[in-house]
Amino acid sequence: MTDGKQAALDFLQAQVKELDALLAQATKDLNTVAGAERVAKWKVRVVPLLAQQVGQEEARRFADIKTGPSFTNDLLEELGDDVEVYREFLMGLAEQIKKASSPMLRDE
């Protein structure tokens, strides 16, 4: 595996861990509003970093993710659903990078 691919995979793994930590903190604090705000700030911060590590197209796709409405009246569950959407994107991207025969990094 090339250094660029490994760096991208490490970055994606770190972002998933950070996202999980944000959800865990919101759960511990029982404060979903602050948790949602932290997740939104995290997403804004990750987009340019994702562009550097993986490429503009993937960063744009990530930025365009809109979580859907939820009608469970359980704010923690709704936050968890939002986190899961971002986690699935990042994990799927990591799988694509692992399977790619040539590095799909920085808009080749």
PDB file of N, CA and C in Angstrom:
ATOM      1  N   MET A   1       0.852  -1.175   0.000  1.00  0.00           N
ATOM      2  CA  MET A   1       0.000   0.000   0.000  1.00  0.00           C
ATOM      3  C   MET A   1       0.896   1.235   0.000  1.00  0.00           C
ATOM      4  N   THR A   2       0.554   2.188  -0.821  1.00  0.00           N
ATOM      5  CA  THR A   2       1.372   3.393  -0.909  1.00  0.00           C
ATOM      6  C   THR A   2       1.199   4.247   0.346  1.00  0.00           C
ATOM      7  N   ASP A   3       2.176   5.115   0.559  1.00  0.00           N
ATOM      8  CA  ASP A   3       2.110   6.005   1.724  1.00  0.00           C
ATOM      9  C   ASP A   3       0.878   6.903   1.663  1.00  0.00           C
ATOM     10  N   GLY A   4       0.536   7.367   0.449  1.00  0.00           N
ATOM     11  CA  GLY A   4      -0.637   8.229   0.292  1.00  0.00           C
ATOM     12  C   GLY A   4      -1.925   7.514   0.651  1.00  0.00           C
ATOM     13  N   LYS A   5      -2.045   6.258   0.214  1.00  0.00           N
ATOM     14  CA  LYS A   5      -3.238   5.484   0.549  1.00  0.00           C
ATOM     15  C   LYS A   5      -3.312   5.240   2.048  1.00  0.00           C
ATOM     16  N   GLN A   6      -2.174   4.899   2.641  1.00  0.00           N
ATOM     17  CA  GLN A   6      -2.169   4.631   4.081  1.00  0.00           C
ATOM     18  C   GLN A   6      -2.490   5.897   4.868  1.00  0.00           C
ATOM     19  N   ALA A   7      -1.965   7.028   4.431  1.00  0.00           N
ATOM     20  CA  ALA A   7      -2.263   8.298   5.107  1.00  0.00           C
ATOM     21  C   ALA A   7      -3.755   8.611   5.020  1.00  0.00           C
ATOM     22  N   ALA A   8      -4.347   8.368   3.850  1.00  0.00           N
ATOM     23  CA  ALA A   8      -5.780   8.611   3.682  1.00  0.00           C
ATOM     24  C   ALA A   8      -6.591   7.680   4.576  1.00  0.00           C
ATOM     25  N   LEU A   9      -6.195   6.415   4.638  1.00  0.00           N
ATOM     26  CA  LEU A   9      -6.902   5.455   5.490  1.00  0.00           C
ATOM     27  C   LEU A   9      -6.773   5.830   6.966  1.00  0.00           C
ATOM     28  N   ASP A  10      -5.589   6.243   7.366  1.00  0.00           N
ATOM     29  CA  ASP A  10      -5.378   6.674   8.753  1.00  0.00           C
ATOM     30  C   ASP A  10      -6.238   7.889   9.078  1.00  0.00           C
ATOM     31  N   PHE A  11      -6.305   8.831   8.138  1.00  0.00           N
ATOM     32  CA  PHE A  11      -7.128  10.027   8.318  1.00  0.00           C
ATOM     33  C   PHE A  11      -8.599   9.644   8.487  1.00  0.00           C
ATOM     34  N   LEU A  12      -9.088   8.774   7.611  1.00  0.00           N
ATOM     35  CA  LEU A  12     -10.493   8.370   7.671  1.00  0.00           C
ATOM     36  C   LEU A  12     -10.797   7.655   8.987  1.00  0.00           C
ATOM     37  N   GLN A  13      -9.899   6.787   9.400  1.00  0.00           N
ATOM     38  CA  GLN A  13     -10.089   6.072  10.663  1.00  0.00           C
ATOM     39  C   GLN A  13     -10.119   7.052  11.841  1.00  0.00           C
ATOM     40  N   ALA A  14      -9.254   8.039  11.821  1.00  0.00           N
ATOM     41  CA  ALA A  14      -9.226   9.042  12.889  1.00  0.00           C
ATOM     42  C   ALA A  14     -10.531   9.837  12.926  1.00  0.00           C
ATOM     43  N   GLN A  15     -11.083  10.141  11.753  1.00  0.00           N
ATOM     44  CA  GLN A  15     -12.334  10.901  11.708  1.00  0.00           C
ATOM     45  C   GLN A  15     -13.497  10.078  12.243  1.00  0.00           C
ATOM     46  N   VAL A  16     -13.517   8.789  11.937  1.00  0.00           N
ATOM     47  CA  VAL A  16     -14.569   7.918  12.468  1.00  0.00           C
ATOM     48  C   VAL A  16     -14.469   7.860  13.990  1.00  0.00           C
ATOM     49  N   LYS A  17     -13.256   7.740  14.508  1.00  0.00           N
ATOM     50  CA  LYS A  17     -13.067   7.714  15.966  1.00  0.00           C
ATOM     51  C   LYS A  17     -13.524   9.023  16.598  1.00  0.00           C
ATOM     52  N   GLU A  18     -13.194  10.139  15.951  1.00  0.00           N
ATOM     53  CA  GLU A  18     -13.605  11.438  16.486  1.00  0.00           C
ATOM     54  C   GLU A  18     -15.124  11.571  16.472  1.00  0.00           C
ATOM     55  N   LEU A  19     -15.740  11.122  15.407  1.00  0.00           N
ATOM     56  CA  LEU A  19     -17.194  11.164  15.293  1.00  0.00           C
ATOM     57  C   LEU A  19     -17.842  10.311  16.380  1.00  0.00           C
ATOM     58  N   ASP A  20     -17.304   9.119  16.602  1.00  0.00           N
ATOM     59  CA  ASP A  20     -17.820   8.252  17.663  1.00  0.00           C
ATOM     60  C   ASP A  20     -17.660   8.912  19.030  1.00  0.00           C
ATOM     61  N   ALA A  21     -16.544   9.602  19.230  1.00  0.00           N
ATOM     62  CA  ALA A  21     -16.305  10.293  20.500  1.00  0.00           C
ATOM     63  C   ALA A  21     -17.309  11.429  20.703  1.00  0.00           C
ATOM     64  N   LEU A  22     -17.663  12.127  19.627  1.00  0.00           N
ATOM     65  CA  LEU A  22     -18.650  13.201  19.733  1.00  0.00           C
ATOM     66  C   LEU A  22     -20.005  12.646  20.156  1.00  0.00           C
ATOM     67  N   LEU A  23     -20.395  11.515  19.579  1.00  0.00           N
ATOM     68  CA  LEU A  23     -21.664  10.893  19.947  1.00  0.00           C
ATOM     69  C   LEU A  23     -21.615  10.400  21.390  1.00  0.00           C
ATOM     70  N   ALA A  24     -20.503   9.798  21.774  1.00  0.00           N
ATOM     71  CA  ALA A  24     -20.364   9.311  23.151  1.00  0.00           C
ATOM     72  C   ALA A  24     -20.444  10.465  24.148  1.00  0.00           C
ATOM     73  N   GLN A  25     -19.836  11.597  23.812  1.00  0.00           N
ATOM     74  CA  GLN A  25     -19.880  12.763  24.696  1.00  0.00           C
ATOM     75  C   GLN A  25     -21.307  13.288  24.828  1.00  0.00           C
ATOM     76  N   ALA A  26     -22.028  13.345  23.713  1.00  0.00           N
ATOM     77  CA  ALA A  26     -23.415  13.811  23.760  1.00  0.00           C
ATOM     78  C   ALA A  26     -24.269  12.861  24.596  1.00  0.00           C
ATOM     79  N   THR A  27     -24.003  11.572  24.478  1.00  0.00           N
ATOM     80  CA  THR A  27     -24.737  10.581  25.260  1.00  0.00           C
ATOM     81  C   THR A  27     -24.430  10.739  26.744  1.00  0.00           C
ATOM     82  N   LYS A  28     -23.174  10.909  27.059  1.00  0.00           N
ATOM     83  CA  LYS A  28     -22.750  11.070  28.458  1.00  0.00           C
ATOM     84  C   LYS A  28     -23.344  12.335  29.065  1.00  0.00           C
ATOM     85  N   ASP A  29     -23.298  13.424  28.294  1.00  0.00           N
ATOM     86  CA  ASP A  29     -23.798  14.710  28.786  1.00  0.00           C
ATOM     87  C   ASP A  29     -25.322  14.813  28.748  1.00  0.00           C
ATOM     88  N   LEU A  30     -25.962  13.906  28.016  1.00  0.00           N
ATOM     89  CA  LEU A  30     -27.403  13.991  27.765  1.00  0.00           C
ATOM     90  C   LEU A  30     -27.769  15.347  27.169  1.00  0.00           C
ATOM     91  N   ASN A  31     -26.926  15.815  26.258  1.00  0.00           N
ATOM     92  CA  ASN A  31     -27.126  17.114  25.631  1.00  0.00           C
ATOM     93  C   ASN A  31     -27.008  16.941  24.119  1.00  0.00           C
ATOM     94  N   THR A  32     -28.120  16.633  23.493  1.00  0.00           N
ATOM     95  CA  THR A  32     -28.095  16.378  22.056  1.00  0.00           C
ATOM     96  C   THR A  32     -27.942  17.656  21.244  1.00  0.00           C
ATOM     97  N   VAL A  33     -28.390  18.770  21.778  1.00  0.00           N
ATOM     98  CA  VAL A  33     -28.246  20.032  21.048  1.00  0.00           C
ATOM     99  C   VAL A  33     -26.767  20.372  20.903  1.00  0.00           C
ATOM    100  N   ALA A  34     -26.030  20.311  22.003  1.00  0.00           N
ATOM    101  CA  ALA A  34     -24.585  20.571  21.936  1.00  0.00           C
ATOM    102  C   ALA A  34     -23.899  19.513  21.085  1.00  0.00           C
ATOM    103  N   GLY A  35     -24.356  18.270  21.183  1.00  0.00           N
ATOM    104  CA  GLY A  35     -23.782  17.199  20.370  1.00  0.00           C
ATOM    105  C   GLY A  35     -23.978  17.456  18.892  1.00  0.00           C
ATOM    106  N   ALA A  36     -25.171  17.874  18.512  1.00  0.00           N
ATOM    107  CA  ALA A  36     -25.448  18.171  17.105  1.00  0.00           C
ATOM    108  C   ALA A  36     -24.602  19.346  16.623  1.00  0.00           C
ATOM    109  N   GLU A  37     -24.417  20.339  17.487  1.00  0.00           N
ATOM    110  CA  GLU A  37     -23.569  21.480  17.122  1.00  0.00           C
ATOM    111  C   GLU A  37     -22.125  21.040  16.929  1.00  0.00           C
ATOM    112  N   ARG A  38     -21.636  20.162  17.804  1.00  0.00           N
ATOM    113  CA  ARG A  38     -20.256  19.669  17.668  1.00  0.00           C
ATOM    114  C   ARG A  38     -20.093  18.849  16.394  1.00  0.00           C
ATOM    115  N   VAL A  39     -21.090  18.035  16.073  1.00  0.00           N
ATOM    116  CA  VAL A  39     -21.025  17.240  14.843  1.00  0.00           C
ATOM    117  C   VAL A  39     -21.033  18.168  13.626  1.00  0.00           C
ATOM    118  N   ALA A  40     -21.853  19.205  13.645  1.00  0.00           N
ATOM    119  CA  ALA A  40     -21.894  20.149  12.521  1.00  0.00           C
ATOM    120  C   ALA A  40     -20.551  20.861  12.356  1.00  0.00           C
ATOM    121  N   LYS A  41     -19.941  21.282  13.455  1.00  0.00           N
ATOM    122  CA  LYS A  41     -18.619  21.929  13.387  1.00  0.00           C
ATOM    123  C   LYS A  41     -17.564  20.945  12.894  1.00  0.00           C
ATOM    124  N   TRP A  42     -17.659  19.706  13.350  1.00  0.00           N
ATOM    125  CA  TRP A  42     -16.728  18.661  12.907  1.00  0.00           C
ATOM    126  C   TRP A  42     -16.823  18.493  11.389  1.00  0.00           C
ATOM    127  N   LYS A  43     -18.049  18.431  10.875  1.00  0.00           N
ATOM    128  CA  LYS A  43     -18.237  18.234   9.436  1.00  0.00           C
ATOM    129  C   LYS A  43     -17.614  19.382   8.648  1.00  0.00           C
ATOM    130  N   VAL A  44     -17.841  20.611   9.080  1.00  0.00           N
ATOM    131  CA  VAL A  44     -17.276  21.778   8.394  1.00  0.00           C
ATOM    132  C   VAL A  44     -15.753  21.714   8.398  1.00  0.00           C
ATOM    133  N   ARG A  45     -15.179  21.281   9.506  1.00  0.00           N
ATOM    134  CA  ARG A  45     -13.721  21.192   9.622  1.00  0.00           C
ATOM    135  C   ARG A  45     -13.157  20.057   8.767  1.00  0.00           C
ATOM    136  N   VAL A  46     -13.902  18.970   8.632  1.00  0.00           N
ATOM    137  CA  VAL A  46     -13.406  17.787   7.923  1.00  0.00           C
ATOM    138  C   VAL A  46     -13.404  17.970   6.405  1.00  0.00           C
ATOM    139  N   VAL A  47     -14.322  18.736   5.865  1.00  0.00           N
ATOM    140  CA  VAL A  47     -14.438  18.853   4.403  1.00  0.00           C
ATOM    141  C   VAL A  47     -13.123  19.271   3.741  1.00  0.00           C
ATOM    142  N   PRO A  48     -12.470  20.361   4.151  1.00  0.00           N
ATOM    143  CA  PRO A  48     -11.206  20.711   3.486  1.00  0.00           C
ATOM    144  C   PRO A  48     -10.096  19.691   3.745  1.00  0.00           C
ATOM    145  N   LEU A  49     -10.106  19.071   4.911  1.00  0.00           N
ATOM    146  CA  LEU A  49      -9.106  18.042   5.200  1.00  0.00           C
ATOM    147  C   LEU A  49      -9.320  16.821   4.315  1.00  0.00           C
ATOM    148  N   LEU A  50     -10.572  16.492   4.087  1.00  0.00           N
ATOM    149  CA  LEU A  50     -10.902  15.374   3.203  1.00  0.00           C
ATOM    150  C   LEU A  50     -10.450  15.679   1.778  1.00  0.00           C
ATOM    151  N   ALA A  51     -10.614  16.919   1.360  1.00  0.00           N
ATOM    152  CA  ALA A  51     -10.153  17.316   0.023  1.00  0.00           C
ATOM    153  C   ALA A  51      -8.646  17.140  -0.099  1.00  0.00           C
ATOM    154  N   GLN A  52      -7.906  17.469   0.938  1.00  0.00           N
ATOM    155  CA  GLN A  52      -6.449  17.306   0.917  1.00  0.00           C
ATOM    156  C   GLN A  52      -6.050  15.840   0.874  1.00  0.00           C
ATOM    157  N   GLN A  53      -6.728  15.019   1.640  1.00  0.00           N
ATOM    158  CA  GLN A  53      -6.338  13.617   1.773  1.00  0.00           C
ATOM    159  C   GLN A  53      -6.838  12.740   0.631  1.00  0.00           C
ATOM    160  N   VAL A  54      -8.049  12.987   0.170  1.00  0.00           N
ATOM    161  CA  VAL A  54      -8.682  12.072  -0.778  1.00  0.00           C
ATOM    162  C   VAL A  54      -9.020  12.731  -2.108  1.00  0.00           C
ATOM    163  N   GLY A  55      -9.406  13.990  -2.083  1.00  0.00           N
ATOM    164  CA  GLY A  55      -9.713  14.680  -3.325  1.00  0.00           C
ATOM    165  C   GLY A  55     -10.954  15.539  -3.220  1.00  0.00           C
ATOM    166  N   GLN A  56     -11.044  16.491  -4.140  1.00  0.00           N
ATOM    167  CA  GLN A  56     -12.147  17.448  -4.142  1.00  0.00           C
ATOM    168  C   GLN A  56     -13.503  16.784  -4.357  1.00  0.00           C
ATOM    169  N   GLU A  57     -13.550  15.803  -5.242  1.00  0.00           N
ATOM    170  CA  GLU A  57     -14.831  15.160  -5.557  1.00  0.00           C
ATOM    171  C   GLU A  57     -15.420  14.472  -4.325  1.00  0.00           C
ATOM    172  N   GLU A  58     -14.606  13.723  -3.617  1.00  0.00           N
ATOM    173  CA  GLU A  58     -15.094  13.034  -2.418  1.00  0.00           C
ATOM    174  C   GLU A  58     -15.451  14.042  -1.328  1.00  0.00           C
ATOM    175  N   ALA A  59     -14.680  15.094  -1.205  1.00  0.00           N
ATOM    176  CA  ALA A  59     -14.988  16.134  -0.219  1.00  0.00           C
ATOM    177  C   ALA A  59     -16.319  16.804  -0.553  1.00  0.00           C
ATOM    178  N   ARG A  60     -16.559  17.042  -1.828  1.00  0.00           N
ATOM    179  CA  ARG A  60     -17.833  17.640  -2.241  1.00  0.00           C
ATOM    180  C   ARG A  60     -18.992  16.701  -1.925  1.00  0.00           C
ATOM    181  N   ARG A  61     -18.805  15.414  -2.222  1.00  0.00           N
ATOM    182  CA  ARG A  61     -19.855  14.431  -1.919  1.00  0.00           C
ATOM    183  C   ARG A  61     -20.154  14.403  -0.421  1.00  0.00           C
ATOM    184  N   PHE A  62     -19.097  14.457   0.385  1.00  0.00           N
ATOM    185  CA  PHE A  62     -19.277  14.461   1.835  1.00  0.00           C
ATOM    186  C   PHE A  62     -19.999  15.735   2.281  1.00  0.00           C
ATOM    187  N   ALA A  63     -19.587  16.871   1.759  1.00  0.00           N
ATOM    188  CA  ALA A  63     -20.209  18.147   2.129  1.00  0.00           C
ATOM    189  C   ALA A  63     -21.681  18.182   1.745  1.00  0.00           C
ATOM    190  N   ASP A  64     -22.029  17.490   0.661  1.00  0.00           N
ATOM    191  CA  ASP A  64     -23.408  17.490   0.177  1.00  0.00           C
ATOM    192  C   ASP A  64     -24.334  16.555   0.953  1.00  0.00           C
ATOM    193  N   ILE A  65     -23.785  15.761   1.850  1.00  0.00           N
ATOM    194  CA  ILE A  65     -24.626  14.839   2.618  1.00  0.00           C
ATOM    195  C   ILE A  65     -25.587  15.643   3.480  1.00  0.00           C
ATOM    196  N   LYS A  66     -26.844  15.340   3.329  1.00  0.00           N
ATOM    197  CA  LYS A  66     -27.886  15.954   4.152  1.00  0.00           C
ATOM    198  C   LYS A  66     -28.599  14.826   4.886  1.00  0.00           C
ATOM    199  N   THR A  67     -28.606  14.915   6.191  1.00  0.00           N
ATOM    200  CA  THR A  67     -29.310  13.892   6.948  1.00  0.00           C
ATOM    201  C   THR A  67     -30.798  14.180   6.883  1.00  0.00           C
ATOM    202  N   GLY A  68     -31.567  13.132   6.825  1.00  0.00           N
ATOM    203  CA  GLY A  68     -33.003  13.277   6.653  1.00  0.00           C
ATOM    204  C   GLY A  68     -33.726  13.550   7.959  1.00  0.00           C
ATOM    205  N   PRO A  69     -34.974  13.940   7.837  1.00  0.00           N
ATOM    206  CA  PRO A  69     -35.768  14.182   9.041  1.00  0.00           C
ATOM    207  C   PRO A  69     -36.044  12.862   9.757  1.00  0.00           C
ATOM    208  N   SER A  70     -36.226  12.968  11.034  1.00  0.00           N
ATOM    209  CA  SER A  70     -36.546  11.800  11.843  1.00  0.00           C
ATOM    210  C   SER A  70     -37.747  12.144  12.699  1.00  0.00           C
ATOM    211  N   PHE A  71     -38.565  11.164  12.923  1.00  0.00           N
ATOM    212  CA  PHE A  71     -39.803  11.425  13.650  1.00  0.00           C
ATOM    213  C   PHE A  71     -39.930  10.538  14.884  1.00  0.00           C
ATOM    214  N   THR A  72     -38.792  10.207  15.482  1.00  0.00           N
ATOM    215  CA  THR A  72     -38.826   9.303  16.630  1.00  0.00           C
ATOM    216  C   THR A  72     -39.084  10.027  17.941  1.00  0.00           C
ATOM    217  N   ASN A  73     -38.929  11.328  17.956  1.00  0.00           N
ATOM    218  CA  ASN A  73     -39.018  12.122  19.186  1.00  0.00           C
ATOM    219  C   ASN A  73     -37.964  11.709  20.205  1.00  0.00           C
ATOM    220  N   ASP A  74     -36.925  11.039  19.735  1.00  0.00           N
ATOM    221  CA  ASP A  74     -35.783  10.674  20.575  1.00  0.00           C
ATOM    222  C   ASP A  74     -34.572  11.377  19.980  1.00  0.00           C
ATOM    223  N   LEU A  75     -34.214  12.510  20.561  1.00  0.00           N
ATOM    224  CA  LEU A  75     -33.159  13.339  19.985  1.00  0.00           C
ATOM    225  C   LEU A  75     -31.815  12.631  19.950  1.00  0.00           C
ATOM    226  N   LEU A  76     -31.539  11.794  20.933  1.00  0.00           N
ATOM    227  CA  LEU A  76     -30.279  11.061  20.946  1.00  0.00           C
ATOM    228  C   LEU A  76     -30.235  10.038  19.810  1.00  0.00           C
ATOM    229  N   GLU A  77     -31.353   9.381  19.577  1.00  0.00           N
ATOM    230  CA  GLU A  77     -31.422   8.431  18.462  1.00  0.00           C
ATOM    231  C   GLU A  77     -31.250   9.161  17.129  1.00  0.00           C
ATOM    232  N   GLU A  78     -31.850  10.320  17.007  1.00  0.00           N
ATOM    233  CA  GLU A  78     -31.720  11.100  15.781  1.00  0.00           C
ATOM    234  C   GLU A  78     -30.274  11.531  15.558  1.00  0.00           C
ATOM    235  N   LEU A  79     -29.594  11.964  16.615  1.00  0.00           N
ATOM    236  CA  LEU A  79     -28.184  12.329  16.502  1.00  0.00           C
ATOM    237  C   LEU A  79     -27.368  11.107  16.104  1.00  0.00           C
ATOM    238  N   GLY A  80     -27.655   9.973  16.705  1.00  0.00           N
ATOM    239  CA  GLY A  80     -26.968   8.733  16.347  1.00  0.00           C
ATOM    240  C   GLY A  80     -27.179   8.371  14.889  1.00  0.00           C
ATOM    241  N   ASP A  81     -28.387   8.584  14.386  1.00  0.00           N
ATOM    242  CA  ASP A  81     -28.665   8.317  12.970  1.00  0.00           C
ATOM    243  C   ASP A  81     -27.840   9.234  12.076  1.00  0.00           C
ATOM    244  N   ASP A  82     -27.735  10.506  12.448  1.00  0.00           N
ATOM    245  CA  ASP A  82     -26.933  11.451  11.670  1.00  0.00           C
ATOM    246  C   ASP A  82     -25.464  11.035  11.662  1.00  0.00           C
ATOM    247  N   VAL A  83     -24.956  10.672  12.831  1.00  0.00           N
ATOM    248  CA  VAL A  83     -23.565  10.232  12.943  1.00  0.00           C
ATOM    249  C   VAL A  83     -23.342   8.997  12.076  1.00  0.00           C
ATOM    250  N   GLU A  84     -24.300   8.098  12.073  1.00  0.00           N
ATOM    251  CA  GLU A  84     -24.172   6.866  11.285  1.00  0.00           C
ATOM    252  C   GLU A  84     -24.071   7.166   9.789  1.00  0.00           C
ATOM    253  N   VAL A  85     -24.785   8.159   9.305  1.00  0.00           N
ATOM    254  CA  VAL A  85     -24.703   8.537   7.891  1.00  0.00           C
ATOM    255  C   VAL A  85     -23.276   8.961   7.547  1.00  0.00           C
ATOM    256  N   TYR A  86     -22.676   9.789   8.381  1.00  0.00           N
ATOM    257  CA  TYR A  86     -21.302  10.238   8.136  1.00  0.00           C
ATOM    258  C   TYR A  86     -20.311   9.089   8.281  1.00  0.00           C
ATOM    259  N   ARG A  87     -20.515   8.255   9.288  1.00  0.00           N
ATOM    260  CA  ARG A  87     -19.624   7.116   9.509  1.00  0.00           C
ATOM    261  C   ARG A  87     -19.661   6.170   8.307  1.00  0.00           C
ATOM    262  N   GLU A  88     -20.853   5.878   7.807  1.00  0.00           N
ATOM    263  CA  GLU A  88     -20.981   4.984   6.651  1.00  0.00           C
ATOM    264  C   GLU A  88     -20.262   5.550   5.433  1.00  0.00           C
ATOM    265  N   PHE A  89     -20.375   6.849   5.213  1.00  0.00           N
ATOM    266  CA  PHE A  89     -19.677   7.459   4.079  1.00  0.00           C
ATOM    267  C   PHE A  89     -18.174   7.283   4.231  1.00  0.00           C
ATOM    268  N   LEU A  90     -17.644   7.606   5.405  1.00  0.00           N
ATOM    269  CA  LEU A  90     -16.198   7.521   5.631  1.00  0.00           C
ATOM    270  C   LEU A  90     -15.701   6.082   5.538  1.00  0.00           C
ATOM    271  N   MET A  91     -16.444   5.149   6.098  1.00  0.00           N
ATOM    272  CA  MET A  91     -16.035   3.745   6.040  1.00  0.00           C
ATOM    273  C   MET A  91     -16.123   3.216   4.607  1.00  0.00           C
ATOM    274  N   GLY A  92     -17.139   3.621   3.877  1.00  0.00           N
ATOM    275  CA  GLY A  92     -17.249   3.224   2.476  1.00  0.00           C
ATOM    276  C   GLY A  92     -16.106   3.772   1.647  1.00  0.00           C
ATOM    277  N   LEU A  93     -15.733   4.989   1.910  1.00  0.00           N
ATOM    278  CA  LEU A  93     -14.611   5.606   1.211  1.00  0.00           C
ATOM    279  C   LEU A  93     -13.316   4.868   1.532  1.00  0.00           C
ATOM    280  N   ALA A  94     -13.142   4.484   2.781  1.00  0.00           N
ATOM    281  CA  ALA A  94     -11.950   3.718   3.170  1.00  0.00           C
ATOM    282  C   ALA A  94     -11.908   2.386   2.426  1.00  0.00           C
ATOM    283  N   GLU A  95     -13.041   1.734   2.287  1.00  0.00           N
ATOM    284  CA  GLU A  95     -13.088   0.463   1.549  1.00  0.00           C
ATOM    285  C   GLU A  95     -12.735   0.673   0.079  1.00  0.00           C
ATOM    286  N   GLN A  96     -13.225   1.753  -0.514  1.00  0.00           N
ATOM    287  CA  GLN A  96     -12.885   2.055  -1.909  1.00  0.00           C
ATOM    288  C   GLN A  96     -11.388   2.250  -2.064  1.00  0.00           C
ATOM    289  N   ILE A  97     -10.783   2.948  -1.132  1.00  0.00           N
ATOM    290  CA  ILE A  97      -9.340   3.203  -1.200  1.00  0.00           C
ATOM    291  C   ILE A  97      -8.568   1.901  -1.046  1.00  0.00           C
ATOM    292  N   LYS A  98      -8.997   1.051  -0.130  1.00  0.00           N
ATOM    293  CA  LYS A  98      -8.323  -0.237   0.071  1.00  0.00           C
ATOM    294  C   LYS A  98      -8.374  -1.095  -1.189  1.00  0.00           C
ATOM    295  N   LYS A  99      -9.505  -1.068  -1.882  1.00  0.00           N
ATOM    296  CA  LYS A  99      -9.698  -1.917  -3.057  1.00  0.00           C
ATOM    297  C   LYS A  99      -9.085  -1.336  -4.322  1.00  0.00           C
ATOM    298  N   ALA A 100      -8.815  -0.043  -4.325  1.00  0.00           N
ATOM    299  CA  ALA A 100      -8.300   0.616  -5.531  1.00  0.00           C
ATOM    300  C   ALA A 100      -6.902   0.104  -5.848  1.00  0.00           C
ATOM    301  N   SER A 101      -6.689  -0.241  -7.123  1.00  0.00           N
ATOM    302  CA  SER A 101      -5.361  -0.714  -7.522  1.00  0.00           C
ATOM    303  C   SER A 101      -4.377   0.440  -7.619  1.00  0.00           C
ATOM    304  N   SER A 102      -4.885   1.614  -7.940  1.00  0.00           N
ATOM    305  CA  SER A 102      -4.035   2.803  -7.940  1.00  0.00           C
ATOM    306  C   SER A 102      -4.647   3.791  -6.962  1.00  0.00           C
ATOM    307  N   PRO A 103      -3.830   4.581  -6.318  1.00  0.00           N
ATOM    308  CA  PRO A 103      -4.362   5.519  -5.325  1.00  0.00           C
ATOM    309  C   PRO A 103      -5.366   6.479  -5.950  1.00  0.00           C
ATOM    310  N   MET A 104      -6.546   6.586  -5.325  1.00  0.00           N
ATOM    311  CA  MET A 104      -7.566   7.524  -5.807  1.00  0.00           C
ATOM    312  C   MET A 104      -7.509   8.782  -4.957  1.00  0.00           C
ATOM    313  N   LEU A 105      -6.357   9.361  -4.908  1.00  0.00           N
ATOM    314  CA  LEU A 105      -6.144  10.482  -4.010  1.00  0.00           C
ATOM    315  C   LEU A 105      -5.951  11.783  -4.765  1.00  0.00           C
ATOM    316  N   ARG A 106      -6.481  12.839  -4.207  1.00  0.00           N
ATOM    317  CA  ARG A 106      -6.312  14.208  -4.717  1.00  0.00           C
ATOM    318  C   ARG A 106      -6.630  14.342  -6.196  1.00  0.00           C
ATOM    319  N   ASP A 107      -7.806  13.871  -6.573  1.00  0.00           N
ATOM    320  CA  ASP A 107      -8.330  14.083  -7.936  1.00  0.00           C
ATOM    321  C   ASP A 107      -7.385  13.635  -9.032  1.00  0.00           C
ATOM    322  N   GLU A 108      -7.010  12.382  -9.021  1.00  0.00           N
ATOM    323  CA  GLU A 108      -6.140  11.889 -10.090  1.00  0.00           C
ATOM    324  C   GLU A 108      -6.858  11.902 -11.414  1.00  0.00           C
TER     325      GLU A 108
END
